[in-house]
Every structure is written in C-alpha cells, then in structure tokens.
Protein backbone atom coordinates (compact mmCIF):
# COMPACT_ATOMS: atom_id res chain seq x y z
CA UNK A 1 -15.55 30.03 9.02
CA UNK A 2 -18.38 30.58 6.58
CA UNK A 3 -21.34 28.27 6.28
CA UNK A 4 -20.27 27.05 2.83
CA UNK A 5 -16.76 26.25 4.13
CA UNK A 6 -18.32 24.26 6.97
CA UNK A 7 -20.49 22.30 4.54
CA UNK A 8 -17.52 21.59 2.26
CA UNK A 9 -15.43 20.49 5.24
CA UNK A 10 -18.12 18.15 6.54
CA UNK A 11 -18.81 16.68 3.09
CA UNK A 12 -15.12 16.04 2.44
CA UNK A 13 -14.77 14.45 5.89
CA UNK A 14 -17.73 12.17 5.16
CA UNK A 15 -16.22 11.22 1.80
CA UNK A 16 -12.88 10.31 3.37
CA UNK A 17 -14.67 8.42 6.16
CA UNK A 18 -16.59 6.35 3.61
CA UNK A 19 -13.36 5.50 1.77
CA UNK A 20 -11.66 4.51 5.04
CA UNK A 21 -14.64 2.38 6.05
CA UNK A 22 -14.61 0.63 2.70
CA UNK A 23 -10.96 -0.30 3.23
CA UNK A 24 -11.95 -2.19 6.38
CA UNK A 25 -14.50 -4.32 4.55
CA UNK A 26 -12.94 -4.41 1.09
CA UNK A 27 -12.75 -7.58 -0.96
CA UNK A 28 -8.95 -7.42 -1.03
CA UNK A 29 -8.81 -10.14 1.62
CA UNK A 30 -10.47 -12.41 -0.93
CA UNK A 31 -7.74 -11.64 -3.46
CA UNK A 32 -5.14 -12.54 -0.83
CA UNK A 33 -6.79 -15.94 -0.47
CA UNK A 34 -6.71 -16.38 -4.27
CA UNK A 35 -2.93 -16.28 -4.46
CA UNK A 36 -0.77 -18.72 -6.33
CA UNK A 37 2.74 -19.71 -5.36
CA UNK A 38 5.41 -18.88 -7.93
CA UNK A 39 8.98 -20.10 -7.77
CA UNK A 40 11.84 -19.24 -10.05
CA UNK A 41 15.08 -17.41 -10.63
CA UNK A 42 15.14 -13.64 -11.01
CA UNK A 43 15.90 -12.51 -14.56
CA UNK A 44 15.43 -8.73 -14.23
CA UNK A 45 14.70 -6.29 -11.43
CA UNK A 46 13.43 -2.75 -12.01
CA UNK A 47 13.35 -0.36 -9.06
CA UNK A 48 12.26 3.11 -10.20
CA UNK A 49 12.17 5.90 -7.65
CA UNK A 50 8.48 6.79 -7.83
CA UNK A 51 6.71 3.60 -8.83
CA UNK A 52 6.53 0.08 -7.47
CA UNK A 53 9.40 -2.26 -8.15
CA UNK A 54 8.94 -5.05 -10.66
CA UNK A 55 10.73 -8.27 -11.39
CA UNK A 56 10.59 -10.94 -14.05
CA UNK A 57 11.59 -14.56 -13.74
CA UNK A 58 13.67 -16.63 -16.12
CA UNK A 59 11.43 -18.44 -18.59
CA UNK A 60 8.43 -16.25 -17.69
CA UNK A 61 7.50 -13.06 -19.53
CA UNK A 62 5.16 -11.77 -16.78
CA UNK A 63 6.08 -8.75 -14.67
CA UNK A 64 5.44 -9.14 -10.95
CA UNK A 65 4.72 -5.98 -8.96
CA UNK A 66 6.40 -5.75 -5.56
CA UNK A 67 5.54 -3.81 -2.40
CA UNK A 68 7.60 -0.79 -1.41
CA UNK A 69 9.21 -2.82 1.39
CA UNK A 70 11.19 -4.69 -1.27
CA UNK A 71 13.00 -1.51 -2.29
CA UNK A 72 13.64 -0.51 1.33
CA UNK A 73 14.89 -3.91 2.52
CA UNK A 74 17.02 -4.91 -0.46
CA UNK A 75 18.20 -1.39 -1.40
CA UNK A 76 17.53 -2.26 -5.04
CA UNK A 77 17.35 1.42 -6.01
CA UNK A 78 21.14 1.15 -6.01
CA UNK A 79 22.14 -0.17 -9.45
CA UNK A 80 24.80 -2.51 -8.01
CA UNK A 81 22.32 -4.06 -5.57
CA UNK A 82 19.68 -4.63 -8.25
CA UNK A 83 22.28 -6.38 -10.42
CA UNK A 84 23.27 -8.59 -7.46
CA UNK A 85 19.64 -9.76 -7.11
CA UNK A 86 19.63 -11.23 -10.62
CA UNK A 87 20.06 -15.00 -10.61
CA UNK A 88 18.80 -15.53 -7.05
CA UNK A 89 16.00 -17.98 -6.35
CA UNK A 90 12.67 -16.53 -5.27
CA UNK A 91 9.39 -17.88 -3.84
CA UNK A 92 6.37 -15.59 -4.12
CA UNK A 93 2.64 -15.56 -3.36
CA UNK A 94 1.04 -13.71 -6.28
CA UNK A 95 -2.57 -12.73 -7.01
CA UNK A 96 -4.26 -12.69 -10.42
CA UNK A 97 -3.10 -9.13 -11.13
CA UNK A 98 0.54 -10.19 -10.60
CA UNK A 99 0.84 -8.31 -7.30
CA UNK A 100 3.25 -10.00 -4.91
CA UNK A 101 1.95 -10.39 -1.33
CA UNK A 102 4.71 -12.59 0.05
CA UNK A 103 8.35 -12.85 -1.02
CA UNK A 104 11.20 -15.13 -0.03
CA UNK A 105 14.60 -14.48 -1.55
CA UNK A 106 17.01 -17.43 -1.18
CA UNK A 107 14.73 -18.82 1.58
CA UNK A 108 14.99 -15.51 3.48
CA UNK A 109 11.62 -13.86 3.98
CA UNK A 110 11.62 -10.28 2.69
CA UNK A 111 7.96 -9.61 3.46
CA UNK A 112 4.87 -11.67 4.11
CA UNK A 113 1.10 -11.49 3.72
CA UNK A 114 0.88 -10.42 7.37
CA UNK A 115 3.08 -7.40 6.59
CA UNK A 116 0.74 -6.48 3.73
CA UNK A 117 -2.34 -6.77 5.96
CA UNK A 118 -0.69 -4.65 8.67
CA UNK A 119 0.16 -1.90 6.17
CA UNK A 120 -3.38 -1.91 4.82
CA UNK A 121 -4.88 -1.74 8.32
CA UNK A 122 -2.66 1.23 9.19
CA UNK A 123 -3.76 3.06 6.04
CA UNK A 124 -7.42 2.52 6.83
CA UNK A 125 -6.91 3.73 10.41
CA UNK A 126 -5.36 6.93 9.08
CA UNK A 127 -8.27 7.40 6.67
CA UNK A 128 -10.65 7.22 9.61
CA UNK A 129 -8.54 9.54 11.78
CA UNK A 130 -8.37 12.31 9.15
CA UNK A 131 -12.16 12.90 9.03
CA UNK A 132 -12.33 12.99 12.82
CA UNK A 133 -9.73 15.74 12.84
CA UNK A 134 -11.58 17.56 10.06
CA UNK A 135 -14.90 17.30 11.96
CA UNK A 136 -13.18 18.69 15.06
CA UNK A 137 -11.71 21.58 13.11
CA UNK A 138 -15.08 22.50 11.54
CA UNK A 139 -16.79 22.27 14.94
CA UNK A 140 -14.09 24.38 16.65
CA UNK A 141 -14.04 27.06 13.96
CA UNK A 142 -17.86 27.18 13.84
CA UNK A 143 -18.08 27.51 17.60
CA UNK A 144 -15.35 30.18 17.67
CA UNK A 145 -17.18 32.28 15.07
CA UNK A 146 -20.50 32.21 16.93
CA UNK A 147 -19.03 33.75 20.12
CA UNK A 148 -20.35 37.24 20.91
CA UNK A 149 -17.75 40.00 20.99
C-alpha cells in the first residue's frame, strides 16, 4: 500500500468517524421532542419502491413522510394493500418537516418513536465501526509492506 493510499484511507476513515460521532450528538432528538400529534383518516397512500412512503389525510393537503418500516409492515407496495389502507383512522406524531416518528393505524401501533431512535442508534454504530475497520486495514497493509523479504 502506497503512502498516498494510506493517507487517503486514514482521511476517509476520520471523515466517516466524524459523521458517525455527529449522529450520536445530533439535534434530531430535539426535533423528536417538537412533534405534534395528528389524527385523521387516510385519503391517499403512495409507496414507491425507492423512496419513502407518503400519505395524506382527508381534509389536509399536507404530505406526511413515513419510515421504511411502514412499507415492510403493511405491505403497501402491493397496490391492493395500499388501496385497503385508504379510509382507515390514523394517529401520528409528526415533526415540523412532516416526518412521521410514530404511527398508529386503527389503534394498532405500526412503529413508535423508540423504533426510530433504535434505528438511528444502529446507523451511528455502523458509522463508527466502518472507520475502525478501515484503520485496521490501513495499519495491516502498511505493516505488511514494511516487512523485509
């Protein structure tokens, strides 16, 4: 491993480590505390394959952005299932950006704020594990190259 490759590897590991550390202390917990409770009846549900699912309520023109768990639990990617969700009552905890942190569908909890926090914690743990692996790889390759033949 060349010296420039080692420097690039270490710099990228530091960059990823900083991002992972920022996730631990991010202000997103403040936005969770600034949620408002929204109740209503589902008017439309959109579950595209690649992007987050959205729903609108009857009498409200706002789109609410759902977590990926919604698609997995309700199977709304199936057109028949998404049609069956229309007209059901829903209780949600929503932040100012219309992101849904907690969802109850007909008084059945689909996901909660605790689920959101657990997913976020897992992501930040992975972003701290990746740089450690990268540091180990750079150290191992650098040590292997310096061995006399």
